[in-house]
Amino acid sequence: MAKASLWMKNGLALIGMLALGFWLGSGHAVRASSYDSGQGVQFQLTGGVQPTSALLVYDPDRKTVFLYQGAMQGNAALQCNYMFQMDHPGEVIHRVPCGPQKMFP
């Protein structure tokens, strides 16, 4: 009986710790490392894992969103289609085609 109560106590403690970790970590965006600022860029895959989905990459240092259409189709080298730039919230957002890119750096 003592063994069962010990297992129950340990199980409840584990569930409590997992719930606390989930609650504390649920509000954070996924970020990649950045080469200079330390803040990083943020990614969002729209439309799920489908051929029509797009990948959005936000660079906070440049205040720019990069759009990669058809992120889940074709080969593994994605080309940027457009970038959206905004200086201040509420101002005009400029859509600019991405320039020519190199396949190999």
C-alpha atoms as a PDB file:
ATOM      1  CA  MET A   1       0.000   0.000   0.000  1.00  0.00           C
ATOM      2  CA  ALA A   2       2.845   2.374   0.801  1.00  0.00           C
ATOM      3  CA  LYS A   3       4.423   1.645  -2.570  1.00  0.00           C
ATOM      4  CA  ALA A   4       1.189   2.534  -4.389  1.00  0.00           C
ATOM      5  CA  SER A   5       0.864   5.818  -2.507  1.00  0.00           C
ATOM      6  CA  LEU A   6       4.501   6.677  -3.297  1.00  0.00           C
ATOM      7  CA  TRP A   7       3.890   5.999  -7.016  1.00  0.00           C
ATOM      8  CA  MET A   8       0.725   8.124  -6.875  1.00  0.00           C
ATOM      9  CA  LYS A   9       2.556  11.001  -5.159  1.00  0.00           C
ATOM     10  CA  ASN A  10       5.433  10.880  -7.672  1.00  0.00           C
ATOM     11  CA  GLY A  11       3.023  10.672 -10.608  1.00  0.00           C
ATOM     12  CA  LEU A  12       1.043  13.709  -9.421  1.00  0.00           C
ATOM     13  CA  ALA A  13       4.271  15.651  -8.859  1.00  0.00           C
ATOM     14  CA  LEU A  14       5.416  14.801 -12.409  1.00  0.00           C
ATOM     15  CA  ILE A  15       2.074  15.848 -13.923  1.00  0.00           C
ATOM     16  CA  GLY A  16       2.194  19.080 -11.916  1.00  0.00           C
ATOM     17  CA  MET A  17       5.698  19.914 -13.132  1.00  0.00           C
ATOM     18  CA  LEU A  18       4.778  19.161 -16.757  1.00  0.00           C
ATOM     19  CA  ALA A  19       1.674  21.356 -16.477  1.00  0.00           C
ATOM     20  CA  LEU A  20       3.727  24.187 -14.967  1.00  0.00           C
ATOM     21  CA  GLY A  21       6.338  23.940 -17.731  1.00  0.00           C
ATOM     22  CA  PHE A  22       3.657  23.913 -20.415  1.00  0.00           C
ATOM     23  CA  TRP A  23       1.931  26.923 -18.849  1.00  0.00           C
ATOM     24  CA  LEU A  24       5.153  28.953 -18.551  1.00  0.00           C
ATOM     25  CA  GLY A  25       6.383  28.131 -22.072  1.00  0.00           C
ATOM     26  CA  SER A  26       3.155  28.376 -24.044  1.00  0.00           C
ATOM     27  CA  GLY A  27       3.284  32.104 -24.842  1.00  0.00           C
ATOM     28  CA  HIS A  28       6.659  32.235 -26.541  1.00  0.00           C
ATOM     29  CA  ALA A  29       7.194  32.379 -30.314  1.00  0.00           C
ATOM     30  CA  VAL A  30       9.685  30.073 -31.954  1.00  0.00           C
ATOM     31  CA  ARG A  31      12.831  32.017 -32.816  1.00  0.00           C
ATOM     32  CA  ALA A  32      15.920  31.206 -34.810  1.00  0.00           C
ATOM     33  CA  SER A  33      19.324  32.557 -33.949  1.00  0.00           C
ATOM     34  CA  SER A  34      20.377  35.797 -35.573  1.00  0.00           C
ATOM     35  CA  TYR A  35      23.816  36.748 -36.756  1.00  0.00           C
ATOM     36  CA  ASP A  36      23.990  40.165 -35.058  1.00  0.00           C
ATOM     37  CA  SER A  37      21.104  41.218 -32.833  1.00  0.00           C
ATOM     38  CA  GLY A  38      20.496  38.187 -30.669  1.00  0.00           C
ATOM     39  CA  GLN A  39      16.720  38.591 -31.114  1.00  0.00           C
ATOM     40  CA  GLY A  40      16.499  36.281 -34.098  1.00  0.00           C
ATOM     41  CA  VAL A  41      13.924  35.860 -36.812  1.00  0.00           C
ATOM     42  CA  GLN A  42      10.462  34.338 -36.453  1.00  0.00           C
ATOM     43  CA  PHE A  43       8.900  31.734 -38.742  1.00  0.00           C
ATOM     44  CA  GLN A  44       5.289  30.891 -39.519  1.00  0.00           C
ATOM     45  CA  LEU A  45       4.075  28.187 -41.911  1.00  0.00           C
ATOM     46  CA  THR A  46       0.624  29.176 -43.184  1.00  0.00           C
ATOM     47  CA  GLY A  47      -1.835  26.613 -44.499  1.00  0.00           C
ATOM     48  CA  GLY A  48      -0.258  23.629 -42.750  1.00  0.00           C
ATOM     49  CA  VAL A  49       1.860  21.053 -44.552  1.00  0.00           C
ATOM     50  CA  GLN A  50       0.284  21.289 -48.009  1.00  0.00           C
ATOM     51  CA  PRO A  51       1.589  22.179 -51.485  1.00  0.00           C
ATOM     52  CA  THR A  52      -0.192  25.543 -51.291  1.00  0.00           C
ATOM     53  CA  SER A  53       1.312  26.571 -47.947  1.00  0.00           C
ATOM     54  CA  ALA A  54       3.599  29.569 -47.589  1.00  0.00           C
ATOM     55  CA  LEU A  55       6.446  30.288 -45.216  1.00  0.00           C
ATOM     56  CA  LEU A  56       6.587  33.716 -43.590  1.00  0.00           C
ATOM     57  CA  VAL A  57       9.871  34.844 -42.042  1.00  0.00           C
ATOM     58  CA  TYR A  58       9.913  38.020 -39.922  1.00  0.00           C
ATOM     59  CA  ASP A  59      13.157  39.895 -39.316  1.00  0.00           C
ATOM     60  CA  PRO A  60      12.555  42.385 -36.460  1.00  0.00           C
ATOM     61  CA  ASP A  61      15.832  44.237 -37.072  1.00  0.00           C
ATOM     62  CA  ARG A  62      14.789  45.149 -40.616  1.00  0.00           C
ATOM     63  CA  LYS A  63      11.033  45.317 -39.828  1.00  0.00           C
ATOM     64  CA  THR A  64      10.515  43.064 -42.839  1.00  0.00           C
ATOM     65  CA  VAL A  65       8.380  39.991 -43.549  1.00  0.00           C
ATOM     66  CA  PHE A  66       9.665  37.642 -46.253  1.00  0.00           C
ATOM     67  CA  LEU A  67       7.174  35.431 -48.147  1.00  0.00           C
ATOM     68  CA  TYR A  68       8.142  32.054 -49.582  1.00  0.00           C
ATOM     69  CA  GLN A  69       5.196  30.679 -51.593  1.00  0.00           C
ATOM     70  CA  GLY A  70       4.809  26.923 -52.107  1.00  0.00           C
ATOM     71  CA  ALA A  71       7.149  26.156 -49.220  1.00  0.00           C
ATOM     72  CA  MET A  72       6.211  22.467 -49.130  1.00  0.00           C
ATOM     73  CA  GLN A  73       6.563  21.639 -52.834  1.00  0.00           C
ATOM     74  CA  GLY A  74       9.467  21.363 -55.240  1.00  0.00           C
ATOM     75  CA  ASN A  75      13.060  21.037 -54.146  1.00  0.00           C
ATOM     76  CA  ALA A  76      14.520  21.996 -50.785  1.00  0.00           C
ATOM     77  CA  ALA A  77      15.967  25.361 -51.920  1.00  0.00           C
ATOM     78  CA  LEU A  78      13.258  27.995 -51.355  1.00  0.00           C
ATOM     79  CA  GLN A  79      13.328  31.313 -53.192  1.00  0.00           C
ATOM     80  CA  CYS A  80      11.896  34.447 -51.576  1.00  0.00           C
ATOM     81  CA  ASN A  81       8.923  35.758 -53.587  1.00  0.00           C
ATOM     82  CA  TYR A  82       8.148  39.049 -51.858  1.00  0.00           C
ATOM     83  CA  MET A  83       9.194  41.070 -48.868  1.00  0.00           C
ATOM     84  CA  PHE A  84       6.891  43.390 -46.964  1.00  0.00           C
ATOM     85  CA  GLN A  85       8.467  46.414 -45.285  1.00  0.00           C
ATOM     86  CA  MET A  86       6.971  48.850 -42.776  1.00  0.00           C
ATOM     87  CA  ASP A  87       8.719  51.621 -40.863  1.00  0.00           C
ATOM     88  CA  HIS A  88       6.100  52.316 -38.177  1.00  0.00           C
ATOM     89  CA  PRO A  89       2.809  50.616 -37.248  1.00  0.00           C
ATOM     90  CA  GLY A  90      -0.108  52.247 -39.024  1.00  0.00           C
ATOM     91  CA  GLU A  91       1.954  53.414 -41.991  1.00  0.00           C
ATOM     92  CA  VAL A  92       1.947  52.049 -45.524  1.00  0.00           C
ATOM     93  CA  ILE A  93       3.274  48.521 -45.976  1.00  0.00           C
ATOM     94  CA  HIS A  94       5.455  48.218 -49.069  1.00  0.00           C
ATOM     95  CA  ARG A  95       5.477  44.935 -51.028  1.00  0.00           C
ATOM     96  CA  VAL A  96       8.769  44.543 -52.862  1.00  0.00           C
ATOM     97  CA  PRO A  97       9.772  41.575 -55.045  1.00  0.00           C
ATOM     98  CA  CYS A  98      12.826  39.803 -53.694  1.00  0.00           C
ATOM     99  CA  GLY A  99      15.895  40.305 -55.821  1.00  0.00           C
ATOM    100  CA  PRO A 100      17.760  37.561 -57.663  1.00  0.00           C
ATOM    101  CA  GLN A 101      19.193  35.019 -55.293  1.00  0.00           C
ATOM    102  CA  LYS A 102      22.081  32.606 -55.440  1.00  0.00           C
ATOM    103  CA  MET A 103      21.393  28.904 -55.111  1.00  0.00           C
ATOM    104  CA  PHE A 104      24.818  28.298 -53.600  1.00  0.00           C
ATOM    105  CA  PRO A 105      26.553  30.873 -51.363  1.00  0.00           C
END
